[in-house]
Amino acid sequence: MTFTQTELDALKQAYASGALRVTHEGKTVEYGSEADLLRRIRVVEGELNNSSGQNCSLVSFASFSRG
């Protein structure tokens, strides 16, 4: 599936305004919750980053042992 920056912008704008309905290129999608919308934003961001060759930010936690 191909995503565009304008689609991502529309998703982010809806999220920022508290809306769950997003219209982009004549198509309207209503998300069940803010969590669903945020998950879609993360998917689109990840796909755009992968297609542009950018690496995704990864978080890791260090652990230490004194023994």
PDB file of N, CA and C in Angstrom:
ATOM      1  N   MET A   1       0.841  -1.170   0.000  1.00  0.00           N
ATOM      2  CA  MET A   1       0.000   0.000   0.000  1.00  0.00           C
ATOM      3  C   MET A   1       0.893   1.242   0.000  1.00  0.00           C
ATOM      4  N   THR A   2       0.536   2.213  -0.783  1.00  0.00           N
ATOM      5  CA  THR A   2       1.321   3.432  -0.903  1.00  0.00           C
ATOM      6  C   THR A   2       0.664   4.553  -0.106  1.00  0.00           C
ATOM      7  N   PHE A   3       1.462   5.196   0.714  1.00  0.00           N
ATOM      8  CA  PHE A   3       0.977   6.312   1.526  1.00  0.00           C
ATOM      9  C   PHE A   3       1.658   7.591   1.061  1.00  0.00           C
ATOM     10  N   THR A   4       1.019   8.722   1.323  1.00  0.00           N
ATOM     11  CA  THR A   4       1.585  10.012   0.943  1.00  0.00           C
ATOM     12  C   THR A   4       1.714  10.905   2.170  1.00  0.00           C
ATOM     13  N   GLN A   5       2.554  11.907   2.041  1.00  0.00           N
ATOM     14  CA  GLN A   5       2.732  12.871   3.125  1.00  0.00           C
ATOM     15  C   GLN A   5       1.432  13.629   3.369  1.00  0.00           C
ATOM     16  N   THR A   6       0.658  13.911   2.326  1.00  0.00           N
ATOM     17  CA  THR A   6      -0.600  14.636   2.523  1.00  0.00           C
ATOM     18  C   THR A   6      -1.598  13.785   3.315  1.00  0.00           C
ATOM     19  N   GLU A   7      -1.571  12.469   3.116  1.00  0.00           N
ATOM     20  CA  GLU A   7      -2.424  11.581   3.906  1.00  0.00           C
ATOM     21  C   GLU A   7      -2.012  11.628   5.378  1.00  0.00           C
ATOM     22  N   LEU A   8      -0.714  11.575   5.622  1.00  0.00           N
ATOM     23  CA  LEU A   8      -0.205  11.651   6.989  1.00  0.00           C
ATOM     24  C   LEU A   8      -0.584  12.980   7.626  1.00  0.00           C
ATOM     25  N   ASP A   9      -0.461  14.061   6.879  1.00  0.00           N
ATOM     26  CA  ASP A   9      -0.825  15.380   7.402  1.00  0.00           C
ATOM     27  C   ASP A   9      -2.309  15.439   7.780  1.00  0.00           C
ATOM     28  N   ALA A  10      -3.172  14.842   6.956  1.00  0.00           N
ATOM     29  CA  ALA A  10      -4.612  14.827   7.242  1.00  0.00           C
ATOM     30  C   ALA A  10      -4.899  14.029   8.511  1.00  0.00           C
ATOM     31  N   LEU A  11      -4.218  12.900   8.675  1.00  0.00           N
ATOM     32  CA  LEU A  11      -4.392  12.087   9.875  1.00  0.00           C
ATOM     33  C   LEU A  11      -3.951  12.852  11.119  1.00  0.00           C
ATOM     34  N   LYS A  12      -2.808  13.508  11.037  1.00  0.00           N
ATOM     35  CA  LYS A  12      -2.287  14.263  12.181  1.00  0.00           C
ATOM     36  C   LYS A  12      -3.187  15.449  12.517  1.00  0.00           C
ATOM     37  N   GLN A  13      -3.713  16.100  11.496  1.00  0.00           N
ATOM     38  CA  GLN A  13      -4.599  17.237  11.727  1.00  0.00           C
ATOM     39  C   GLN A  13      -5.879  16.776  12.436  1.00  0.00           C
ATOM     40  N   ALA A  14      -6.421  15.644  12.017  1.00  0.00           N
ATOM     41  CA  ALA A  14      -7.616  15.104  12.667  1.00  0.00           C
ATOM     42  C   ALA A  14      -7.309  14.755  14.117  1.00  0.00           C
ATOM     43  N   TYR A  15      -6.193  14.112  14.349  1.00  0.00           N
ATOM     44  CA  TYR A  15      -5.810  13.722  15.709  1.00  0.00           C
ATOM     45  C   TYR A  15      -5.644  14.945  16.604  1.00  0.00           C
ATOM     46  N   ALA A  16      -4.979  15.961  16.081  1.00  0.00           N
ATOM     47  CA  ALA A  16      -4.735  17.177  16.861  1.00  0.00           C
ATOM     48  C   ALA A  16      -6.033  17.904  17.211  1.00  0.00           C
ATOM     49  N   SER A  17      -7.029  17.809  16.342  1.00  0.00           N
ATOM     50  CA  SER A  17      -8.291  18.503  16.589  1.00  0.00           C
ATOM     51  C   SER A  17      -9.281  17.649  17.373  1.00  0.00           C
ATOM     52  N   GLY A  18      -8.928  16.388  17.622  1.00  0.00           N
ATOM     53  CA  GLY A  18      -9.813  15.508  18.372  1.00  0.00           C
ATOM     54  C   GLY A  18     -10.861  14.815  17.515  1.00  0.00           C
ATOM     55  N   ALA A  19     -10.764  14.968  16.198  1.00  0.00           N
ATOM     56  CA  ALA A  19     -11.728  14.334  15.286  1.00  0.00           C
ATOM     57  C   ALA A  19     -11.333  12.885  15.033  1.00  0.00           C
ATOM     58  N   LEU A  20     -12.319  12.050  14.795  1.00  0.00           N
ATOM     59  CA  LEU A  20     -12.062  10.650  14.472  1.00  0.00           C
ATOM     60  C   LEU A  20     -12.375  10.352  13.007  1.00  0.00           C
ATOM     61  N   ARG A  21     -12.894  11.333  12.297  1.00  0.00           N
ATOM     62  CA  ARG A  21     -13.229  11.171  10.884  1.00  0.00           C
ATOM     63  C   ARG A  21     -12.202  11.926  10.044  1.00  0.00           C
ATOM     64  N   VAL A  22     -11.618  11.225   9.082  1.00  0.00           N
ATOM     65  CA  VAL A  22     -10.581  11.811   8.231  1.00  0.00           C
ATOM     66  C   VAL A  22     -11.025  11.681   6.777  1.00  0.00           C
ATOM     67  N   THR A  23     -10.968  12.792   6.049  1.00  0.00           N
ATOM     68  CA  THR A  23     -11.272  12.776   4.623  1.00  0.00           C
ATOM     69  C   THR A  23     -10.012  13.143   3.874  1.00  0.00           C
ATOM     70  N   HIS A  24      -9.668  12.283   2.914  1.00  0.00           N
ATOM     71  CA  HIS A  24      -8.456  12.491   2.124  1.00  0.00           C
ATOM     72  C   HIS A  24      -8.711  11.979   0.719  1.00  0.00           C
ATOM     73  N   GLU A  25      -8.481  12.829  -0.267  1.00  0.00           N
ATOM     74  CA  GLU A  25      -8.678  12.494  -1.680  1.00  0.00           C
ATOM     75  C   GLU A  25     -10.059  11.898  -1.943  1.00  0.00           C
ATOM     76  N   GLY A  26     -11.077  12.512  -1.370  1.00  0.00           N
ATOM     77  CA  GLY A  26     -12.448  12.085  -1.614  1.00  0.00           C
ATOM     78  C   GLY A  26     -12.908  10.873  -0.840  1.00  0.00           C
ATOM     79  N   LYS A  27     -12.056  10.309  -0.007  1.00  0.00           N
ATOM     80  CA  LYS A  27     -12.417   9.144   0.803  1.00  0.00           C
ATOM     81  C   LYS A  27     -12.507   9.563   2.257  1.00  0.00           C
ATOM     82  N   THR A  28     -13.513   9.062   2.945  1.00  0.00           N
ATOM     83  CA  THR A  28     -13.688   9.369   4.359  1.00  0.00           C
ATOM     84  C   THR A  28     -13.595   8.082   5.170  1.00  0.00           C
ATOM     85  N   VAL A  29     -12.810   8.142   6.226  1.00  0.00           N
ATOM     86  CA  VAL A  29     -12.653   7.011   7.141  1.00  0.00           C
ATOM     87  C   VAL A  29     -12.936   7.515   8.545  1.00  0.00           C
ATOM     88  N   GLU A  30     -13.737   6.763   9.283  1.00  0.00           N
ATOM     89  CA  GLU A  30     -13.985   7.119  10.678  1.00  0.00           C
ATOM     90  C   GLU A  30     -13.344   6.051  11.556  1.00  0.00           C
ATOM     91  N   TYR A  31     -12.474   6.482  12.447  1.00  0.00           N
ATOM     92  CA  TYR A  31     -11.760   5.585  13.341  1.00  0.00           C
ATOM     93  C   TYR A  31     -12.569   5.399  14.618  1.00  0.00           C
ATOM     94  N   GLY A  32     -12.460   4.241  15.215  1.00  0.00           N
ATOM     95  CA  GLY A  32     -13.250   3.908  16.393  1.00  0.00           C
ATOM     96  C   GLY A  32     -12.810   4.635  17.653  1.00  0.00           C
ATOM     97  N   SER A  33     -11.542   5.002  17.706  1.00  0.00           N
ATOM     98  CA  SER A  33     -11.018   5.680  18.899  1.00  0.00           C
ATOM     99  C   SER A  33      -9.771   6.467  18.515  1.00  0.00           C
ATOM    100  N   GLU A  34      -9.335   7.312  19.442  1.00  0.00           N
ATOM    101  CA  GLU A  34      -8.091   8.052  19.220  1.00  0.00           C
ATOM    102  C   GLU A  34      -6.919   7.090  19.099  1.00  0.00           C
ATOM    103  N   ALA A  35      -6.962   5.995  19.846  1.00  0.00           N
ATOM    104  CA  ALA A  35      -5.887   4.996  19.782  1.00  0.00           C
ATOM    105  C   ALA A  35      -5.806   4.380  18.386  1.00  0.00           C
ATOM    106  N   ASP A  36      -6.952   4.121  17.769  1.00  0.00           N
ATOM    107  CA  ASP A  36      -6.966   3.575  16.406  1.00  0.00           C
ATOM    108  C   ASP A  36      -6.361   4.563  15.415  1.00  0.00           C
ATOM    109  N   LEU A  37      -6.733   5.831  15.569  1.00  0.00           N
ATOM    110  CA  LEU A  37      -6.208   6.869  14.685  1.00  0.00           C
ATOM    111  C   LEU A  37      -4.701   7.024  14.886  1.00  0.00           C
ATOM    112  N   LEU A  38      -4.249   7.025  16.118  1.00  0.00           N
ATOM    113  CA  LEU A  38      -2.822   7.153  16.401  1.00  0.00           C
ATOM    114  C   LEU A  38      -2.044   5.960  15.850  1.00  0.00           C
ATOM    115  N   ARG A  39      -2.617   4.777  15.937  1.00  0.00           N
ATOM    116  CA  ARG A  39      -1.974   3.580  15.385  1.00  0.00           C
ATOM    117  C   ARG A  39      -1.820   3.709  13.866  1.00  0.00           C
ATOM    118  N   ARG A  40      -2.840   4.250  13.203  1.00  0.00           N
ATOM    119  CA  ARG A  40      -2.768   4.455  11.755  1.00  0.00           C
ATOM    120  C   ARG A  40      -1.684   5.476  11.417  1.00  0.00           C
ATOM    121  N   ILE A  41      -1.586   6.531  12.214  1.00  0.00           N
ATOM    122  CA  ILE A  41      -0.543   7.535  12.002  1.00  0.00           C
ATOM    123  C   ILE A  41       0.827   6.877  12.076  1.00  0.00           C
ATOM    124  N   ARG A  42       1.042   6.045  13.083  1.00  0.00           N
ATOM    125  CA  ARG A  42       2.333   5.365  13.258  1.00  0.00           C
ATOM    126  C   ARG A  42       2.635   4.435  12.086  1.00  0.00           C
ATOM    127  N   VAL A  43       1.624   3.738  11.583  1.00  0.00           N
ATOM    128  CA  VAL A  43       1.820   2.849  10.422  1.00  0.00           C
ATOM    129  C   VAL A  43       2.240   3.653   9.199  1.00  0.00           C
ATOM    130  N   VAL A  44       1.530   4.744   8.938  1.00  0.00           N
ATOM    131  CA  VAL A  44       1.841   5.575   7.766  1.00  0.00           C
ATOM    132  C   VAL A  44       3.226   6.195   7.919  1.00  0.00           C
ATOM    133  N   GLU A  45       3.550   6.703   9.118  1.00  0.00           N
ATOM    134  CA  GLU A  45       4.887   7.265   9.350  1.00  0.00           C
ATOM    135  C   GLU A  45       5.967   6.211   9.086  1.00  0.00           C
ATOM    136  N   GLY A  46       5.757   5.017   9.593  1.00  0.00           N
ATOM    137  CA  GLY A  46       6.734   3.947   9.402  1.00  0.00           C
ATOM    138  C   GLY A  46       6.927   3.604   7.938  1.00  0.00           C
ATOM    139  N   GLU A  47       5.840   3.503   7.201  1.00  0.00           N
ATOM    140  CA  GLU A  47       5.933   3.182   5.777  1.00  0.00           C
ATOM    141  C   GLU A  47       6.624   4.297   4.996  1.00  0.00           C
ATOM    142  N   LEU A  48       6.302   5.551   5.324  1.00  0.00           N
ATOM    143  CA  LEU A  48       6.955   6.671   4.641  1.00  0.00           C
ATOM    144  C   LEU A  48       8.445   6.707   4.957  1.00  0.00           C
ATOM    145  N   ASN A  49       8.798   6.432   6.201  1.00  0.00           N
ATOM    146  CA  ASN A  49      10.211   6.411   6.581  1.00  0.00           C
ATOM    147  C   ASN A  49      10.939   5.276   5.875  1.00  0.00           C
ATOM    148  N   ASN A  50      10.323   4.115   5.786  1.00  0.00           N
ATOM    149  CA  ASN A  50      10.945   2.979   5.105  1.00  0.00           C
ATOM    150  C   ASN A  50      11.124   3.237   3.618  1.00  0.00           C
ATOM    151  N   SER A  51      10.134   3.847   2.995  1.00  0.00           N
ATOM    152  CA  SER A  51      10.219   4.083   1.556  1.00  0.00           C
ATOM    153  C   SER A  51      11.216   5.181   1.212  1.00  0.00           C
ATOM    154  N   SER A  52      11.483   6.084   2.173  1.00  0.00           N
ATOM    155  CA  SER A  52      12.445   7.156   1.910  1.00  0.00           C
ATOM    156  C   SER A  52      13.851   6.781   2.353  1.00  0.00           C
ATOM    157  N   GLY A  53      13.992   5.569   2.910  1.00  0.00           N
ATOM    158  CA  GLY A  53      15.314   5.113   3.338  1.00  0.00           C
ATOM    159  C   GLY A  53      15.715   5.583   4.713  1.00  0.00           C
ATOM    160  N   GLN A  54      14.819   6.263   5.421  1.00  0.00           N
ATOM    161  CA  GLN A  54      15.143   6.718   6.769  1.00  0.00           C
ATOM    162  C   GLN A  54      14.960   5.564   7.741  1.00  0.00           C
ATOM    163  N   ASN A  55      15.772   5.570   8.756  1.00  0.00           N
ATOM    164  CA  ASN A  55      15.634   4.569   9.805  1.00  0.00           C
ATOM    165  C   ASN A  55      14.627   5.049  10.831  1.00  0.00           C
ATOM    166  N   CYS A  56      13.868   4.137  11.363  1.00  0.00           N
ATOM    167  CA  CYS A  56      12.929   4.458  12.433  1.00  0.00           C
ATOM    168  C   CYS A  56      13.704   4.624  13.732  1.00  0.00           C
ATOM    169  N   SER A  57      13.203   5.486  14.588  1.00  0.00           N
ATOM    170  CA  SER A  57      13.823   5.642  15.894  1.00  0.00           C
ATOM    171  C   SER A  57      13.520   4.408  16.724  1.00  0.00           C
ATOM    172  N   LEU A  58      14.530   3.896  17.331  1.00  0.00           N
ATOM    173  CA  LEU A  58      14.352   2.757  18.205  1.00  0.00           C
ATOM    174  C   LEU A  58      14.750   3.159  19.612  1.00  0.00           C
ATOM    175  N   VAL A  59      14.034   2.660  20.563  1.00  0.00           N
ATOM    176  CA  VAL A  59      14.337   2.931  21.959  1.00  0.00           C
ATOM    177  C   VAL A  59      14.757   1.628  22.601  1.00  0.00           C
ATOM    178  N   SER A  60      15.836   1.676  23.333  1.00  0.00           N
ATOM    179  CA  SER A  60      16.259   0.490  24.083  1.00  0.00           C
ATOM    180  C   SER A  60      16.629   0.924  25.487  1.00  0.00           C
ATOM    181  N   PHE A  61      16.589  -0.017  26.383  1.00  0.00           N
ATOM    182  CA  PHE A  61      16.890   0.269  27.776  1.00  0.00           C
ATOM    183  C   PHE A  61      18.116  -0.512  28.179  1.00  0.00           C
ATOM    184  N   ALA A  62      19.022   0.172  28.807  1.00  0.00           N
ATOM    185  CA  ALA A  62      20.249  -0.489  29.277  1.00  0.00           C
ATOM    186  C   ALA A  62      19.974  -1.148  30.608  1.00  0.00           C
ATOM    187  N   SER A  63      20.636  -2.261  30.829  1.00  0.00           N
ATOM    188  CA  SER A  63      20.550  -2.894  32.136  1.00  0.00           C
ATOM    189  C   SER A  63      21.966  -3.124  32.638  1.00  0.00           C
ATOM    190  N   PHE A  64      22.125  -3.025  33.929  1.00  0.00           N
ATOM    191  CA  PHE A  64      23.421  -3.157  34.536  1.00  0.00           C
ATOM    192  C   PHE A  64      23.358  -4.182  35.650  1.00  0.00           C
ATOM    193  N   SER A  65      24.474  -4.835  35.843  1.00  0.00           N
ATOM    194  CA  SER A  65      24.552  -5.817  36.932  1.00  0.00           C
ATOM    195  C   SER A  65      25.883  -5.628  37.644  1.00  0.00           C
ATOM    196  N   ARG A  66      25.875  -5.675  38.921  1.00  0.00           N
ATOM    197  CA  ARG A  66      27.105  -5.536  39.689  1.00  0.00           C
ATOM    198  C   ARG A  66      27.679  -6.891  40.063  1.00  0.00           C
ATOM    199  N   GLY A  67      27.128  -7.916  39.543  1.00  0.00           N
ATOM    200  CA  GLY A  67      27.537  -9.207  40.009  1.00  0.00           C
ATOM    201  C   GLY A  67      28.264  -9.987  39.033  1.00  0.00           C
TER     202      GLY A  67
END
